[in-house]
Amino acid sequence: MPIDPYQPIAGLYDTWSRTVVDDVDFYVEEAVAAGGRVVELGVGTGRIAVPTALAGVRVIGVDFSPAMLEV
């Protein structure tokens, strides 16, 4: 099984990423405009996927890191 390179930072990622918000509205608007389900590759802990889902879009999140997905 491959080693998860994000495992050491998974628990810290959300605290750090709270300040990284400039792109969220753009991606949410694009997802809404798509008019259907969207797939986010590299979803991590859901920094973009969660607000997208809260906007009413069905989101499928895919990530290599079990630790990030667990968070």
C-alpha atoms as a PDB file:
ATOM      1  CA  MET A   1       0.000   0.000   0.000  1.00  0.00           C
ATOM      2  CA  PRO A   2       1.397   3.445  -0.895  1.00  0.00           C
ATOM      3  CA  ILE A   3       2.418   5.800   1.879  1.00  0.00           C
ATOM      4  CA  ASP A   4       0.028   8.725   2.440  1.00  0.00           C
ATOM      5  CA  PRO A   5       2.174  11.875   2.103  1.00  0.00           C
ATOM      6  CA  TYR A   6      -0.591  14.051   3.573  1.00  0.00           C
ATOM      7  CA  GLN A   7      -1.034  11.975   6.722  1.00  0.00           C
ATOM      8  CA  PRO A   8       1.315  14.158   8.831  1.00  0.00           C
ATOM      9  CA  ILE A   9      -0.614  17.370   8.033  1.00  0.00           C
ATOM     10  CA  ALA A  10      -4.186  16.123   7.666  1.00  0.00           C
ATOM     11  CA  GLY A  11      -5.183  17.204  11.165  1.00  0.00           C
ATOM     12  CA  LEU A  12      -3.712  20.681  10.641  1.00  0.00           C
ATOM     13  CA  TYR A  13      -4.949  21.350   7.126  1.00  0.00           C
ATOM     14  CA  ASP A  14      -8.358  22.805   7.988  1.00  0.00           C
ATOM     15  CA  THR A  15      -6.877  25.232  10.516  1.00  0.00           C
ATOM     16  CA  TRP A  16      -4.389  26.471   7.921  1.00  0.00           C
ATOM     17  CA  SER A  17      -6.826  26.541   4.998  1.00  0.00           C
ATOM     18  CA  ARG A  18      -9.428  28.695   6.774  1.00  0.00           C
ATOM     19  CA  THR A  19      -7.464  31.687   5.490  1.00  0.00           C
ATOM     20  CA  VAL A  20      -7.412  30.409   1.897  1.00  0.00           C
ATOM     21  CA  VAL A  21     -10.836  31.494   0.685  1.00  0.00           C
ATOM     22  CA  ASP A  22     -10.272  33.701  -2.367  1.00  0.00           C
ATOM     23  CA  ASP A  23     -11.040  30.866  -4.782  1.00  0.00           C
ATOM     24  CA  VAL A  24     -14.014  29.248  -3.035  1.00  0.00           C
ATOM     25  CA  ASP A  25     -16.739  31.464  -4.517  1.00  0.00           C
ATOM     26  CA  PHE A  26     -15.331  30.963  -8.014  1.00  0.00           C
ATOM     27  CA  TYR A  27     -15.452  27.169  -7.767  1.00  0.00           C
ATOM     28  CA  VAL A  28     -18.909  27.167  -6.166  1.00  0.00           C
ATOM     29  CA  GLU A  29     -20.248  29.417  -8.937  1.00  0.00           C
ATOM     30  CA  GLU A  30     -18.721  27.184 -11.604  1.00  0.00           C
ATOM     31  CA  ALA A  31     -20.241  24.100  -9.993  1.00  0.00           C
ATOM     32  CA  VAL A  32     -23.687  25.712  -9.792  1.00  0.00           C
ATOM     33  CA  ALA A  33     -23.410  26.820 -13.429  1.00  0.00           C
ATOM     34  CA  ALA A  34     -22.567  23.248 -14.486  1.00  0.00           C
ATOM     35  CA  GLY A  35     -26.148  22.327 -13.645  1.00  0.00           C
ATOM     36  CA  GLY A  36     -25.486  18.837 -12.350  1.00  0.00           C
ATOM     37  CA  ARG A  37     -23.144  16.734 -10.302  1.00  0.00           C
ATOM     38  CA  VAL A  38     -19.497  17.687 -10.095  1.00  0.00           C
ATOM     39  CA  VAL A  39     -16.397  15.685  -9.298  1.00  0.00           C
ATOM     40  CA  GLU A  40     -13.604  17.256  -7.299  1.00  0.00           C
ATOM     41  CA  LEU A  41     -10.289  15.491  -7.769  1.00  0.00           C
ATOM     42  CA  GLY A  42      -7.978  16.077  -4.838  1.00  0.00           C
ATOM     43  CA  VAL A  43     -10.889  16.944  -2.550  1.00  0.00           C
ATOM     44  CA  GLY A  44      -8.748  16.738   0.580  1.00  0.00           C
ATOM     45  CA  THR A  45     -10.882  17.628   3.583  1.00  0.00           C
ATOM     46  CA  GLY A  46     -13.558  19.329   1.489  1.00  0.00           C
ATOM     47  CA  ARG A  47     -12.449  22.965   1.494  1.00  0.00           C
ATOM     48  CA  ILE A  48     -14.239  23.466  -1.851  1.00  0.00           C
ATOM     49  CA  ALA A  49     -16.597  20.476  -1.813  1.00  0.00           C
ATOM     50  CA  VAL A  50     -18.408  21.394   1.399  1.00  0.00           C
ATOM     51  CA  PRO A  51     -19.425  24.928   0.340  1.00  0.00           C
ATOM     52  CA  THR A  52     -20.326  23.546  -3.081  1.00  0.00           C
ATOM     53  CA  ALA A  53     -22.618  20.953  -1.517  1.00  0.00           C
ATOM     54  CA  LEU A  54     -24.125  23.629   0.751  1.00  0.00           C
ATOM     55  CA  ALA A  55     -24.976  25.555  -2.431  1.00  0.00           C
ATOM     56  CA  GLY A  56     -27.122  22.599  -3.498  1.00  0.00           C
ATOM     57  CA  VAL A  57     -24.721  20.869  -5.887  1.00  0.00           C
ATOM     58  CA  ARG A  58     -24.128  17.133  -5.611  1.00  0.00           C
ATOM     59  CA  VAL A  59     -20.397  16.609  -5.198  1.00  0.00           C
ATOM     60  CA  ILE A  60     -18.326  13.469  -5.624  1.00  0.00           C
ATOM     61  CA  GLY A  61     -14.954  13.898  -3.927  1.00  0.00           C
ATOM     62  CA  VAL A  62     -11.921  11.805  -4.836  1.00  0.00           C
ATOM     63  CA  ASP A  63      -8.566  11.917  -3.065  1.00  0.00           C
ATOM     64  CA  PHE A  64      -5.446   9.784  -2.770  1.00  0.00           C
ATOM     65  CA  SER A  65      -5.061  10.530   0.946  1.00  0.00           C
ATOM     66  CA  PRO A  66      -7.096   8.424   3.381  1.00  0.00           C
ATOM     67  CA  ALA A  67      -6.042  10.766   6.194  1.00  0.00           C
ATOM     68  CA  MET A  68      -7.413  13.858   4.428  1.00  0.00           C
ATOM     69  CA  LEU A  69     -10.663  12.072   3.603  1.00  0.00           C
ATOM     70  CA  GLU A  70     -11.021  10.906   7.189  1.00  0.00           C
ATOM     71  CA  VAL A  71     -10.879  14.502   8.442  1.00  0.00           C
END
